[in-house]
N, C-alpha and C. Protein backbone atom coordinates (compact mmCIF):
# COMPACT_ATOMS: atom_id res chain seq x y z
N MET A 1 62.92 30.87 14.25
CA MET A 1 62.25 29.69 13.78
C MET A 1 60.74 29.88 13.93
N ARG A 2 60.03 29.50 12.90
CA ARG A 2 58.59 29.69 12.86
C ARG A 2 57.88 28.37 13.10
N ILE A 3 56.89 28.36 14.00
CA ILE A 3 56.13 27.14 14.30
C ILE A 3 54.85 27.16 13.46
N GLU A 4 54.62 26.06 12.73
CA GLU A 4 53.40 25.96 11.92
C GLU A 4 52.32 25.24 12.71
N ILE A 5 51.18 25.87 12.79
CA ILE A 5 50.03 25.27 13.47
C ILE A 5 49.05 24.81 12.38
N LYS A 6 48.77 23.52 12.41
CA LYS A 6 47.86 22.97 11.41
C LYS A 6 46.46 22.92 11.97
N GLY A 7 45.48 23.22 11.12
CA GLY A 7 44.08 23.19 11.54
C GLY A 7 43.21 23.90 10.53
N PHE A 8 41.95 24.03 10.88
CA PHE A 8 40.98 24.68 10.01
C PHE A 8 40.65 26.05 10.56
N THR A 9 40.42 26.97 9.65
CA THR A 9 40.01 28.31 10.09
C THR A 9 38.50 28.32 10.28
N LEU A 10 38.03 29.33 10.95
CA LEU A 10 36.59 29.47 11.19
C LEU A 10 35.83 29.61 9.87
N VAL A 11 36.41 30.29 8.91
CA VAL A 11 35.78 30.47 7.60
C VAL A 11 35.61 29.12 6.90
N GLU A 12 36.62 28.29 6.96
CA GLU A 12 36.53 26.97 6.33
C GLU A 12 35.45 26.11 6.99
N LEU A 13 35.40 26.13 8.31
CA LEU A 13 34.37 25.36 9.02
C LEU A 13 32.97 25.86 8.68
N MET A 14 32.78 27.17 8.63
CA MET A 14 31.47 27.73 8.30
C MET A 14 31.07 27.37 6.87
N LEU A 15 32.03 27.36 5.96
CA LEU A 15 31.76 27.00 4.57
C LEU A 15 31.30 25.55 4.47
N VAL A 16 31.97 24.65 5.16
CA VAL A 16 31.59 23.23 5.15
C VAL A 16 30.21 23.04 5.77
N ILE A 17 29.94 23.69 6.89
CA ILE A 17 28.63 23.59 7.54
C ILE A 17 27.54 24.14 6.62
N GLY A 18 27.82 25.23 5.93
CA GLY A 18 26.85 25.81 4.99
C GLY A 18 26.54 24.87 3.83
N ILE A 19 27.57 24.24 3.28
CA ILE A 19 27.37 23.29 2.18
C ILE A 19 26.55 22.09 2.65
N LEU A 20 26.86 21.56 3.84
CA LEU A 20 26.09 20.44 4.38
C LEU A 20 24.63 20.82 4.62
N ALA A 21 24.40 22.02 5.15
CA ALA A 21 23.02 22.48 5.38
C ALA A 21 22.27 22.60 4.06
N LEU A 22 22.92 23.10 3.03
CA LEU A 22 22.30 23.23 1.71
C LEU A 22 21.95 21.85 1.15
N LEU A 23 22.84 20.89 1.28
CA LEU A 23 22.56 19.53 0.81
C LEU A 23 21.37 18.92 1.54
N ILE A 24 21.28 19.14 2.83
CA ILE A 24 20.15 18.60 3.61
C ILE A 24 18.85 19.25 3.17
N VAL A 25 18.86 20.57 2.99
CA VAL A 25 17.64 21.28 2.58
C VAL A 25 17.18 20.82 1.21
N VAL A 26 18.09 20.55 0.30
CA VAL A 26 17.73 20.10 -1.04
C VAL A 26 17.27 18.65 -1.04
N SER A 27 17.91 17.79 -0.26
CA SER A 27 17.59 16.36 -0.32
C SER A 27 16.39 15.95 0.53
N LEU A 28 16.03 16.72 1.54
CA LEU A 28 14.91 16.34 2.41
C LEU A 28 13.59 16.21 1.66
N PRO A 29 13.19 17.16 0.81
CA PRO A 29 11.93 16.97 0.07
C PRO A 29 11.98 15.75 -0.86
N LEU A 30 13.13 15.49 -1.44
CA LEU A 30 13.26 14.32 -2.31
C LEU A 30 13.10 13.04 -1.51
N ALA A 31 13.67 13.00 -0.33
CA ALA A 31 13.55 11.81 0.52
C ALA A 31 12.11 11.61 0.97
N MET A 32 11.41 12.68 1.31
CA MET A 32 10.00 12.57 1.72
C MET A 32 9.13 12.08 0.56
N ASN A 33 9.40 12.58 -0.64
CA ASN A 33 8.67 12.14 -1.82
C ASN A 33 8.90 10.65 -2.05
N PHE A 34 10.14 10.22 -1.93
CA PHE A 34 10.47 8.81 -2.10
C PHE A 34 9.75 7.96 -1.05
N TYR A 35 9.73 8.42 0.21
CA TYR A 35 9.08 7.69 1.29
C TYR A 35 7.58 7.53 1.03
N LYS A 36 6.92 8.59 0.62
CA LYS A 36 5.47 8.52 0.38
C LYS A 36 5.15 7.61 -0.80
N THR A 37 5.99 7.64 -1.83
CA THR A 37 5.79 6.75 -2.97
C THR A 37 5.96 5.29 -2.55
N ARG A 38 6.97 4.99 -1.79
CA ARG A 38 7.19 3.62 -1.31
C ARG A 38 6.06 3.19 -0.38
N GLN A 39 5.58 4.09 0.47
CA GLN A 39 4.48 3.76 1.37
C GLN A 39 3.24 3.38 0.57
N LEU A 40 2.94 4.12 -0.48
CA LEU A 40 1.79 3.80 -1.34
C LEU A 40 1.98 2.45 -2.00
N ASP A 41 3.19 2.16 -2.47
CA ASP A 41 3.47 0.86 -3.10
C ASP A 41 3.27 -0.30 -2.13
N VAL A 42 3.68 -0.11 -0.89
CA VAL A 42 3.54 -1.18 0.12
C VAL A 42 2.07 -1.54 0.32
N TYR A 43 1.22 -0.54 0.47
CA TYR A 43 -0.20 -0.82 0.71
C TYR A 43 -0.90 -1.33 -0.54
N GLU A 44 -0.47 -0.85 -1.71
CA GLU A 44 -1.01 -1.37 -2.97
C GLU A 44 -0.68 -2.86 -3.09
N ASN A 45 0.56 -3.22 -2.83
CA ASN A 45 0.96 -4.62 -2.92
C ASN A 45 0.23 -5.48 -1.89
N GLY A 46 -0.02 -4.94 -0.71
CA GLY A 46 -0.76 -5.69 0.31
C GLY A 46 -2.18 -6.00 -0.12
N ILE A 47 -2.86 -5.02 -0.71
CA ILE A 47 -4.24 -5.24 -1.17
C ILE A 47 -4.25 -6.21 -2.34
N VAL A 48 -3.31 -6.06 -3.27
CA VAL A 48 -3.23 -6.99 -4.40
C VAL A 48 -2.97 -8.41 -3.91
N GLN A 49 -2.09 -8.56 -2.94
CA GLN A 49 -1.81 -9.88 -2.38
C GLN A 49 -3.05 -10.47 -1.73
N ALA A 50 -3.81 -9.67 -1.00
CA ALA A 50 -5.04 -10.16 -0.37
C ALA A 50 -6.05 -10.59 -1.43
N LEU A 51 -6.18 -9.82 -2.51
CA LEU A 51 -7.10 -10.19 -3.59
C LEU A 51 -6.69 -11.51 -4.23
N ARG A 52 -5.42 -11.66 -4.50
CA ARG A 52 -4.94 -12.90 -5.14
C ARG A 52 -5.07 -14.10 -4.20
N ARG A 53 -4.84 -13.88 -2.91
CA ARG A 53 -5.01 -14.98 -1.94
C ARG A 53 -6.47 -15.39 -1.85
N ALA A 54 -7.38 -14.41 -1.85
CA ALA A 54 -8.81 -14.72 -1.80
C ALA A 54 -9.21 -15.52 -3.04
N GLN A 55 -8.70 -15.12 -4.19
CA GLN A 55 -9.00 -15.84 -5.42
C GLN A 55 -8.44 -17.26 -5.38
N LEU A 56 -7.23 -17.40 -4.91
CA LEU A 56 -6.60 -18.72 -4.82
C LEU A 56 -7.34 -19.63 -3.85
N LYS A 57 -7.74 -19.09 -2.70
CA LYS A 57 -8.50 -19.88 -1.72
C LYS A 57 -9.84 -20.30 -2.30
N SER A 58 -10.48 -19.43 -3.07
CA SER A 58 -11.76 -19.77 -3.69
C SER A 58 -11.58 -20.84 -4.76
N MET A 59 -10.54 -20.71 -5.56
CA MET A 59 -10.31 -21.67 -6.63
C MET A 59 -9.92 -23.04 -6.08
N SER A 60 -9.25 -23.06 -4.94
CA SER A 60 -8.87 -24.35 -4.35
C SER A 60 -9.97 -24.88 -3.43
N VAL A 61 -11.08 -24.16 -3.37
CA VAL A 61 -12.27 -24.52 -2.57
C VAL A 61 -11.87 -24.81 -1.12
N GLU A 62 -11.04 -23.95 -0.58
CA GLU A 62 -10.65 -24.08 0.83
C GLU A 62 -11.89 -23.87 1.69
N ALA A 63 -12.10 -24.76 2.63
CA ALA A 63 -13.25 -24.72 3.55
C ALA A 63 -14.57 -24.73 2.80
N ASP A 64 -14.57 -25.27 1.58
CA ASP A 64 -15.78 -25.38 0.77
C ASP A 64 -16.55 -24.06 0.70
N SER A 65 -15.83 -22.98 0.39
CA SER A 65 -16.46 -21.67 0.39
C SER A 65 -15.78 -20.72 -0.58
N SER A 66 -16.46 -19.63 -0.84
CA SER A 66 -15.87 -18.52 -1.59
C SER A 66 -15.12 -17.62 -0.60
N PHE A 67 -14.17 -16.87 -1.13
CA PHE A 67 -13.43 -15.91 -0.32
C PHE A 67 -13.44 -14.56 -1.03
N GLY A 68 -13.28 -13.52 -0.26
CA GLY A 68 -13.28 -12.18 -0.83
C GLY A 68 -12.46 -11.22 0.00
N VAL A 69 -12.43 -9.98 -0.50
CA VAL A 69 -11.72 -8.90 0.19
C VAL A 69 -12.66 -7.71 0.31
N TYR A 70 -12.72 -7.16 1.51
CA TYR A 70 -13.51 -5.97 1.79
C TYR A 70 -12.56 -4.85 2.18
N ILE A 71 -12.73 -3.68 1.57
CA ILE A 71 -11.86 -2.54 1.84
C ILE A 71 -12.72 -1.40 2.40
N SER A 72 -12.34 -0.91 3.57
CA SER A 72 -13.09 0.16 4.22
C SER A 72 -12.23 1.41 4.36
N ASN A 73 -12.65 2.49 3.73
CA ASN A 73 -11.95 3.76 3.88
C ASN A 73 -12.27 4.39 5.23
N ASP A 74 -13.47 4.11 5.76
CA ASP A 74 -13.88 4.71 7.04
C ASP A 74 -13.09 4.14 8.21
N SER A 75 -13.00 2.82 8.28
CA SER A 75 -12.28 2.20 9.41
C SER A 75 -10.81 1.95 9.10
N LYS A 76 -10.36 2.34 7.90
CA LYS A 76 -8.96 2.23 7.50
C LYS A 76 -8.42 0.81 7.66
N LYS A 77 -9.09 -0.12 6.98
CA LYS A 77 -8.64 -1.51 7.01
C LYS A 77 -9.11 -2.22 5.75
N TYR A 78 -8.48 -3.36 5.47
CA TYR A 78 -9.02 -4.27 4.47
C TYR A 78 -9.00 -5.66 5.08
N VAL A 79 -10.00 -6.46 4.69
CA VAL A 79 -10.23 -7.75 5.33
C VAL A 79 -10.34 -8.83 4.26
N LEU A 80 -9.55 -9.88 4.40
CA LEU A 80 -9.73 -11.09 3.60
C LEU A 80 -10.70 -11.96 4.39
N PHE A 81 -11.84 -12.30 3.78
CA PHE A 81 -12.89 -13.00 4.52
C PHE A 81 -13.38 -14.23 3.78
N LYS A 82 -14.04 -15.12 4.53
CA LYS A 82 -14.64 -16.33 3.98
C LYS A 82 -16.15 -16.11 3.93
N GLY A 83 -16.73 -16.34 2.75
CA GLY A 83 -18.18 -16.21 2.62
C GLY A 83 -18.56 -15.57 1.30
N ASN A 84 -19.87 -15.50 1.07
CA ASN A 84 -20.38 -14.94 -0.18
C ASN A 84 -20.48 -13.42 -0.15
N SER A 85 -20.39 -12.82 1.02
CA SER A 85 -20.34 -11.37 1.15
C SER A 85 -19.72 -11.02 2.50
N TYR A 86 -19.31 -9.79 2.62
CA TYR A 86 -18.69 -9.34 3.88
C TYR A 86 -19.70 -9.37 5.02
N ASN A 87 -20.94 -9.03 4.72
CA ASN A 87 -21.98 -8.98 5.76
C ASN A 87 -22.36 -10.36 6.29
N THR A 88 -22.25 -11.39 5.45
CA THR A 88 -22.64 -12.75 5.86
C THR A 88 -21.42 -13.65 6.05
N ARG A 89 -20.26 -13.07 6.25
CA ARG A 89 -19.01 -13.84 6.33
C ARG A 89 -18.92 -14.63 7.63
N ASP A 90 -17.95 -15.54 7.64
CA ASP A 90 -17.60 -16.28 8.86
C ASP A 90 -16.43 -15.53 9.51
N ASN A 91 -16.70 -14.81 10.60
CA ASN A 91 -15.71 -13.94 11.23
C ASN A 91 -14.45 -14.67 11.69
N VAL A 92 -14.55 -15.95 11.95
CA VAL A 92 -13.40 -16.72 12.43
C VAL A 92 -12.27 -16.71 11.40
N TRP A 93 -12.62 -16.65 10.13
CA TRP A 93 -11.64 -16.71 9.05
C TRP A 93 -11.08 -15.34 8.67
N ASP A 94 -11.54 -14.28 9.28
CA ASP A 94 -11.11 -12.92 8.90
C ASP A 94 -9.61 -12.73 9.09
N GLU A 95 -9.00 -12.12 8.10
CA GLU A 95 -7.62 -11.64 8.18
C GLU A 95 -7.69 -10.13 7.98
N VAL A 96 -7.45 -9.39 9.04
CA VAL A 96 -7.62 -7.93 9.02
C VAL A 96 -6.26 -7.25 8.88
N PHE A 97 -6.20 -6.28 7.97
CA PHE A 97 -4.98 -5.52 7.73
C PHE A 97 -5.30 -4.03 7.85
N GLU A 98 -4.48 -3.33 8.60
CA GLU A 98 -4.71 -1.90 8.84
C GLU A 98 -4.16 -1.05 7.69
N LEU A 99 -4.81 0.08 7.46
CA LEU A 99 -4.35 1.07 6.49
C LEU A 99 -4.01 2.36 7.24
N PRO A 100 -3.06 3.14 6.73
CA PRO A 100 -2.70 4.38 7.43
C PRO A 100 -3.79 5.45 7.27
N ASP A 101 -3.80 6.40 8.19
CA ASP A 101 -4.80 7.47 8.16
C ASP A 101 -4.67 8.37 6.94
N ASN A 102 -3.46 8.52 6.41
CA ASN A 102 -3.27 9.42 5.27
C ASN A 102 -3.57 8.76 3.93
N LEU A 103 -4.02 7.51 3.92
CA LEU A 103 -4.36 6.81 2.68
C LEU A 103 -5.87 6.87 2.46
N SER A 104 -6.28 7.33 1.28
CA SER A 104 -7.69 7.33 0.90
C SER A 104 -7.92 6.22 -0.11
N VAL A 105 -9.03 5.51 0.07
CA VAL A 105 -9.37 4.39 -0.82
C VAL A 105 -10.71 4.68 -1.46
N GLY A 106 -10.82 4.43 -2.76
CA GLY A 106 -12.07 4.63 -3.48
C GLY A 106 -12.30 3.51 -4.47
N GLY A 107 -13.45 3.54 -5.11
CA GLY A 107 -13.79 2.52 -6.10
C GLY A 107 -14.44 1.32 -5.45
N LEU A 108 -14.09 0.12 -5.92
CA LEU A 108 -14.66 -1.11 -5.38
C LEU A 108 -14.35 -1.24 -3.89
N THR A 109 -15.34 -1.66 -3.12
CA THR A 109 -15.11 -1.88 -1.70
C THR A 109 -15.15 -3.36 -1.34
N GLU A 110 -15.77 -4.18 -2.19
CA GLU A 110 -15.87 -5.61 -1.88
C GLU A 110 -15.77 -6.42 -3.16
N VAL A 111 -14.93 -7.44 -3.13
CA VAL A 111 -14.79 -8.37 -4.26
C VAL A 111 -14.80 -9.78 -3.69
N VAL A 112 -15.71 -10.61 -4.19
CA VAL A 112 -15.79 -12.01 -3.78
C VAL A 112 -15.52 -12.86 -5.02
N PHE A 113 -14.70 -13.89 -4.87
CA PHE A 113 -14.36 -14.78 -5.98
C PHE A 113 -15.14 -16.08 -5.85
N THR A 114 -15.66 -16.58 -6.99
CA THR A 114 -16.47 -17.80 -6.98
C THR A 114 -15.59 -19.02 -6.74
N LYS A 115 -16.23 -20.04 -6.15
CA LYS A 115 -15.52 -21.31 -5.94
C LYS A 115 -15.13 -21.89 -7.30
N LEU A 116 -14.03 -22.59 -7.33
CA LEU A 116 -13.46 -23.29 -8.47
C LEU A 116 -12.95 -22.37 -9.58
N LYS A 117 -13.78 -21.48 -10.10
CA LYS A 117 -13.36 -20.66 -11.24
C LYS A 117 -12.65 -19.38 -10.84
N GLY A 118 -12.91 -18.87 -9.67
CA GLY A 118 -12.24 -17.64 -9.22
C GLY A 118 -12.70 -16.39 -9.95
N ILE A 119 -13.93 -16.40 -10.45
CA ILE A 119 -14.48 -15.24 -11.15
C ILE A 119 -14.93 -14.21 -10.10
N PRO A 120 -14.59 -12.94 -10.27
CA PRO A 120 -14.96 -11.94 -9.27
C PRO A 120 -16.43 -11.55 -9.35
N SER A 121 -17.01 -11.23 -8.19
CA SER A 121 -18.40 -10.77 -8.14
C SER A 121 -18.52 -9.36 -8.70
N ASN A 122 -17.50 -8.55 -8.53
CA ASN A 122 -17.48 -7.18 -9.04
C ASN A 122 -16.20 -6.97 -9.84
N THR A 123 -16.31 -6.17 -10.87
CA THR A 123 -15.11 -5.80 -11.62
C THR A 123 -15.00 -4.28 -11.60
N GLY A 124 -13.81 -3.81 -11.79
CA GLY A 124 -13.58 -2.36 -11.79
C GLY A 124 -12.26 -2.01 -11.16
N ASN A 125 -12.20 -0.81 -10.61
CA ASN A 125 -10.95 -0.28 -10.09
C ASN A 125 -11.03 0.02 -8.60
N ILE A 126 -9.89 -0.11 -7.95
CA ILE A 126 -9.70 0.34 -6.58
C ILE A 126 -8.65 1.44 -6.65
N PHE A 127 -8.99 2.61 -6.12
CA PHE A 127 -8.10 3.76 -6.17
C PHE A 127 -7.45 3.97 -4.80
N LEU A 128 -6.14 4.13 -4.79
CA LEU A 128 -5.39 4.41 -3.57
C LEU A 128 -4.72 5.76 -3.73
N ILE A 129 -4.90 6.65 -2.75
CA ILE A 129 -4.37 8.00 -2.86
C ILE A 129 -3.68 8.40 -1.55
N ILE A 130 -2.44 8.86 -1.66
CA ILE A 130 -1.71 9.49 -0.56
C ILE A 130 -1.21 10.82 -1.09
N ASP A 131 -1.63 11.91 -0.45
CA ASP A 131 -1.30 13.27 -0.90
C ASP A 131 -1.68 13.41 -2.37
N ASN A 132 -0.75 13.74 -3.23
CA ASN A 132 -1.07 13.90 -4.65
C ASN A 132 -0.63 12.69 -5.48
N ARG A 133 -0.33 11.59 -4.83
CA ARG A 133 0.07 10.36 -5.52
C ARG A 133 -1.09 9.38 -5.51
N SER A 134 -1.25 8.66 -6.60
CA SER A 134 -2.34 7.69 -6.66
C SER A 134 -1.91 6.44 -7.41
N GLU A 135 -2.56 5.35 -7.09
CA GLU A 135 -2.35 4.07 -7.76
C GLU A 135 -3.72 3.47 -8.03
N ILE A 136 -3.80 2.66 -9.08
CA ILE A 136 -5.06 2.01 -9.45
C ILE A 136 -4.84 0.51 -9.51
N ILE A 137 -5.74 -0.22 -8.85
CA ILE A 137 -5.77 -1.68 -8.95
C ILE A 137 -7.00 -2.03 -9.76
N ASN A 138 -6.83 -2.78 -10.84
CA ASN A 138 -7.95 -3.14 -11.71
C ASN A 138 -8.23 -4.63 -11.59
N ILE A 139 -9.51 -4.98 -11.49
CA ILE A 139 -9.94 -6.37 -11.47
C ILE A 139 -10.87 -6.56 -12.67
N ASN A 140 -10.47 -7.42 -13.60
CA ASN A 140 -11.30 -7.60 -14.80
C ASN A 140 -12.24 -8.79 -14.67
N GLU A 141 -13.04 -9.03 -15.71
CA GLU A 141 -14.08 -10.07 -15.69
C GLU A 141 -13.52 -11.47 -15.49
N ALA A 142 -12.31 -11.70 -15.95
CA ALA A 142 -11.70 -13.02 -15.83
C ALA A 142 -11.07 -13.24 -14.45
N GLY A 143 -11.02 -12.19 -13.65
CA GLY A 143 -10.42 -12.31 -12.32
C GLY A 143 -8.97 -11.88 -12.26
N ARG A 144 -8.47 -11.34 -13.35
CA ARG A 144 -7.08 -10.89 -13.37
C ARG A 144 -6.96 -9.58 -12.58
N VAL A 145 -5.97 -9.53 -11.70
CA VAL A 145 -5.73 -8.34 -10.88
C VAL A 145 -4.52 -7.62 -11.47
N ASN A 146 -4.77 -6.43 -12.01
CA ASN A 146 -3.70 -5.63 -12.61
C ASN A 146 -3.42 -4.41 -11.75
N TYR A 147 -2.16 -4.05 -11.65
CA TYR A 147 -1.79 -2.84 -10.91
C TYR A 147 -0.54 -2.23 -11.48
């Protein structure tokens, strides 16, 4: 009488481990690319939200003042502030948001929206760059924020 032993051979186990290792090696760069793209989207949406909030606060004449957004690539932050400029702002109203070290910001650094109408003081583009990925936020003359 012959006894059957059920199980996996060493060759089968090595084959499965090899296939899993290959899948991990192939999918890891794709996952990192996806992560960096999502990270860029998160910070782009944060800056757009700050711009729109500043415009809304200015149009609703909150605290009888204009509001704006200042973006600093050096200190890696953006600030929603109350006042006609970042330099003459009321610091009590500052809302500070941090940016990651691997994010580069270019273009407009300060946008202030007028009371009631919400017209921006500056128009143009804000460039966000992480590695070889970039996004553009555009602010036009009417105050529309496009991204």
